N, C-alpha and C. Protein backbone atom coordinates (compact mmCIF):
# COMPACT_ATOMS: atom_id res chain seq x y z
N MET A 1 26.53 -13.30 6.30
CA MET A 1 25.74 -13.90 5.32
C MET A 1 24.31 -13.84 5.77
N SER A 2 23.39 -13.42 5.00
CA SER A 2 21.95 -13.51 5.27
C SER A 2 21.23 -14.66 4.61
N ALA A 3 20.40 -15.34 5.25
CA ALA A 3 19.64 -16.22 4.60
C ALA A 3 18.08 -15.93 4.48
N ARG A 4 17.55 -16.16 3.39
CA ARG A 4 16.29 -15.77 3.00
C ARG A 4 15.28 -16.79 3.48
N ARG A 5 14.31 -16.51 4.18
CA ARG A 5 13.30 -17.47 4.64
C ARG A 5 12.53 -17.83 3.49
N LYS A 6 12.24 -19.17 3.34
CA LYS A 6 11.35 -19.75 2.31
C LYS A 6 9.94 -19.84 2.86
N THR A 7 8.96 -19.54 2.07
CA THR A 7 7.52 -19.74 2.40
C THR A 7 6.87 -20.51 1.33
N LEU A 8 5.95 -21.28 1.70
CA LEU A 8 5.16 -22.00 0.74
C LEU A 8 3.97 -21.13 0.32
N GLN A 9 3.64 -19.97 0.82
CA GLN A 9 2.51 -19.17 0.47
C GLN A 9 3.06 -18.44 -0.92
N GLU A 10 2.07 -18.04 -1.77
CA GLU A 10 2.38 -17.28 -2.90
C GLU A 10 2.72 -15.91 -2.60
N HIS A 11 2.13 -15.36 -1.51
CA HIS A 11 2.46 -13.94 -1.06
C HIS A 11 2.19 -13.89 0.36
N VAL A 12 2.77 -12.78 1.07
CA VAL A 12 2.58 -12.55 2.41
C VAL A 12 1.76 -11.39 2.58
N GLU A 13 0.82 -11.36 3.52
CA GLU A 13 0.01 -10.12 3.73
C GLU A 13 0.32 -9.49 5.14
N ILE A 14 0.33 -8.30 5.24
CA ILE A 14 0.59 -7.51 6.42
C ILE A 14 -0.80 -7.33 7.05
N PRO A 15 -1.08 -7.90 8.20
CA PRO A 15 -2.50 -7.77 8.85
C PRO A 15 -2.63 -6.35 9.30
N GLY A 16 -3.88 -5.89 8.98
CA GLY A 16 -4.30 -4.58 9.48
C GLY A 16 -3.99 -3.31 8.57
N VAL A 17 -3.13 -3.61 7.55
CA VAL A 17 -2.90 -2.44 6.65
C VAL A 17 -3.01 -3.03 5.26
N CYS A 18 -3.57 -2.13 4.40
CA CYS A 18 -3.85 -2.48 3.07
C CYS A 18 -2.55 -2.66 2.30
N PHE A 19 -1.66 -1.71 2.21
CA PHE A 19 -0.24 -1.88 1.74
C PHE A 19 -0.15 -2.22 0.23
N ILE A 20 -1.24 -1.86 -0.53
CA ILE A 20 -1.21 -2.15 -1.99
C ILE A 20 -0.36 -0.98 -2.62
N ARG A 21 0.49 -1.33 -3.55
CA ARG A 21 1.41 -0.35 -4.20
C ARG A 21 0.67 0.48 -5.23
N GLN A 22 0.98 1.75 -5.39
CA GLN A 22 0.47 2.59 -6.46
C GLN A 22 1.20 2.15 -7.66
N PRO A 23 0.44 2.16 -8.89
CA PRO A 23 1.11 1.71 -10.16
C PRO A 23 2.24 2.76 -10.42
N GLU A 24 3.39 2.20 -10.88
CA GLU A 24 4.50 2.81 -11.25
C GLU A 24 5.09 3.72 -10.13
N SER A 25 5.01 3.29 -8.93
CA SER A 25 5.47 4.09 -7.82
C SER A 25 5.92 3.15 -6.65
N THR A 26 6.59 3.78 -5.69
CA THR A 26 7.02 3.01 -4.53
C THR A 26 5.99 3.31 -3.34
N LEU A 27 4.89 4.19 -3.58
CA LEU A 27 3.94 4.56 -2.47
C LEU A 27 3.05 3.29 -2.29
N ARG A 28 2.67 3.15 -1.10
CA ARG A 28 1.77 1.95 -0.75
C ARG A 28 0.56 2.58 0.11
N CYS A 29 -0.52 1.86 -0.05
CA CYS A 29 -1.77 2.38 0.71
C CYS A 29 -1.59 2.15 2.22
N THR A 30 -1.97 3.23 2.94
CA THR A 30 -1.84 3.42 4.45
C THR A 30 -3.16 3.18 5.11
N LEU A 31 -4.24 2.85 4.36
CA LEU A 31 -5.53 2.70 4.99
C LEU A 31 -5.56 1.23 5.54
N SER A 32 -6.51 0.87 6.33
CA SER A 32 -6.63 -0.35 6.99
C SER A 32 -7.03 -1.39 5.91
N ALA A 33 -6.69 -2.70 6.15
CA ALA A 33 -6.99 -3.72 5.33
C ALA A 33 -8.44 -3.85 5.09
N GLY A 34 -8.86 -4.24 3.86
CA GLY A 34 -10.18 -4.47 3.59
C GLY A 34 -11.14 -3.18 3.52
N HIS A 35 -10.38 -2.09 3.25
CA HIS A 35 -11.11 -0.73 3.15
C HIS A 35 -11.90 -0.73 1.69
N TYR A 36 -12.83 0.12 1.53
CA TYR A 36 -13.55 0.25 0.28
C TYR A 36 -13.16 1.47 -0.41
N GLY A 37 -13.37 1.70 -1.77
CA GLY A 37 -12.90 2.85 -2.39
C GLY A 37 -11.52 2.88 -2.79
N GLU A 38 -11.14 4.17 -3.14
CA GLU A 38 -9.68 4.34 -3.57
C GLU A 38 -8.68 4.00 -2.48
N HIS A 39 -7.55 3.67 -2.94
CA HIS A 39 -6.35 3.58 -2.02
C HIS A 39 -5.75 4.99 -1.73
N ARG A 40 -5.08 5.03 -0.64
CA ARG A 40 -4.56 6.42 -0.10
C ARG A 40 -3.35 6.23 0.57
N HIS A 41 -2.38 7.14 0.25
CA HIS A 41 -1.08 7.14 1.05
C HIS A 41 -1.01 8.62 1.74
N PHE A 42 -1.08 8.59 3.04
CA PHE A 42 -1.39 9.84 3.75
C PHE A 42 -0.19 10.69 3.93
N TYR A 43 1.03 10.12 3.66
CA TYR A 43 2.40 10.76 4.01
C TYR A 43 3.03 11.29 2.78
N SER A 44 2.23 11.62 1.81
CA SER A 44 2.79 12.17 0.58
C SER A 44 1.97 13.29 0.01
N GLY A 45 2.33 13.85 -1.14
CA GLY A 45 1.63 15.03 -1.71
C GLY A 45 2.19 16.35 -1.07
N GLU A 46 1.55 17.43 -1.57
CA GLU A 46 2.02 18.76 -1.23
C GLU A 46 1.58 19.07 0.23
N ILE A 47 2.15 20.14 0.80
CA ILE A 47 1.74 20.48 2.19
C ILE A 47 0.81 21.66 2.11
N ARG A 48 -0.43 21.51 2.76
CA ARG A 48 -1.37 22.60 2.92
C ARG A 48 -1.66 22.87 4.38
N ASN A 49 -1.57 24.08 4.81
CA ASN A 49 -1.86 24.35 6.20
C ASN A 49 -0.95 23.54 7.29
N GLY A 50 0.18 23.15 6.89
CA GLY A 50 1.02 22.37 7.76
C GLY A 50 0.80 20.94 7.61
N PHE A 51 -0.02 20.46 6.78
CA PHE A 51 -0.38 18.94 6.66
C PHE A 51 -0.15 18.52 5.25
N ARG A 52 0.29 17.20 5.14
CA ARG A 52 0.36 16.70 3.70
C ARG A 52 -0.90 16.33 3.27
N THR A 53 -1.29 16.54 1.97
CA THR A 53 -2.54 16.28 1.31
C THR A 53 -2.88 14.85 1.07
N GLY A 54 -1.69 14.03 0.92
CA GLY A 54 -1.88 12.64 0.63
C GLY A 54 -1.94 12.40 -0.96
N THR A 55 -1.88 11.16 -1.24
CA THR A 55 -2.02 10.66 -2.70
C THR A 55 -3.06 9.63 -2.70
N SER A 56 -3.90 9.61 -3.76
CA SER A 56 -4.79 8.49 -3.87
C SER A 56 -4.87 7.99 -5.22
N TRP A 57 -5.37 6.68 -5.48
CA TRP A 57 -5.37 6.17 -6.74
C TRP A 57 -6.50 5.04 -6.72
N PRO A 58 -7.05 4.72 -7.96
CA PRO A 58 -8.25 3.79 -7.91
C PRO A 58 -7.76 2.40 -7.72
N ARG A 59 -8.65 1.47 -7.39
CA ARG A 59 -8.44 0.06 -7.12
C ARG A 59 -8.37 -0.45 -8.45
N ARG A 60 -7.51 -1.70 -8.62
CA ARG A 60 -7.45 -2.48 -9.73
C ARG A 60 -7.83 -3.90 -9.43
N LEU A 61 -8.25 -4.63 -10.53
CA LEU A 61 -8.71 -6.04 -10.29
C LEU A 61 -7.57 -6.91 -9.97
N GLY A 62 -7.73 -7.79 -9.08
CA GLY A 62 -6.64 -8.75 -8.67
C GLY A 62 -5.54 -8.26 -7.99
N GLU A 63 -5.62 -7.13 -7.23
CA GLU A 63 -4.56 -6.64 -6.44
C GLU A 63 -4.10 -7.43 -5.28
N ARG A 64 -2.89 -7.55 -4.98
CA ARG A 64 -2.45 -8.15 -3.86
C ARG A 64 -1.28 -7.40 -3.14
N GLN A 65 -1.12 -7.52 -1.81
CA GLN A 65 -0.13 -6.71 -1.17
C GLN A 65 1.27 -6.79 -1.76
N ALA A 66 1.78 -8.13 -1.90
CA ALA A 66 3.21 -8.19 -2.29
C ALA A 66 3.36 -8.21 -3.82
N ASP A 67 2.92 -7.11 -4.47
CA ASP A 67 3.00 -7.08 -5.95
C ASP A 67 4.44 -6.69 -6.32
C-alpha cells in the first residue's frame, strides 16, 4: 500500500527547472527556472544532423509548474 504525502501548499515547485507543461501535451519546459521568452523542451522534435530540434511554445499568463 502506498501513502500519498499531504502538503499544505497549493502546488510544489521543482527548483532549478521551469517544468511548465506544453498545452494539450505531456512535454514540459527543460529550461532553467525564471527564464524569459518562450518555453522549450530540448528532447523532442525532429532529428537534424544527429540532434533533436526541440519544441517551443509561448508563455501563458498565470502558469505554474504543477498544472
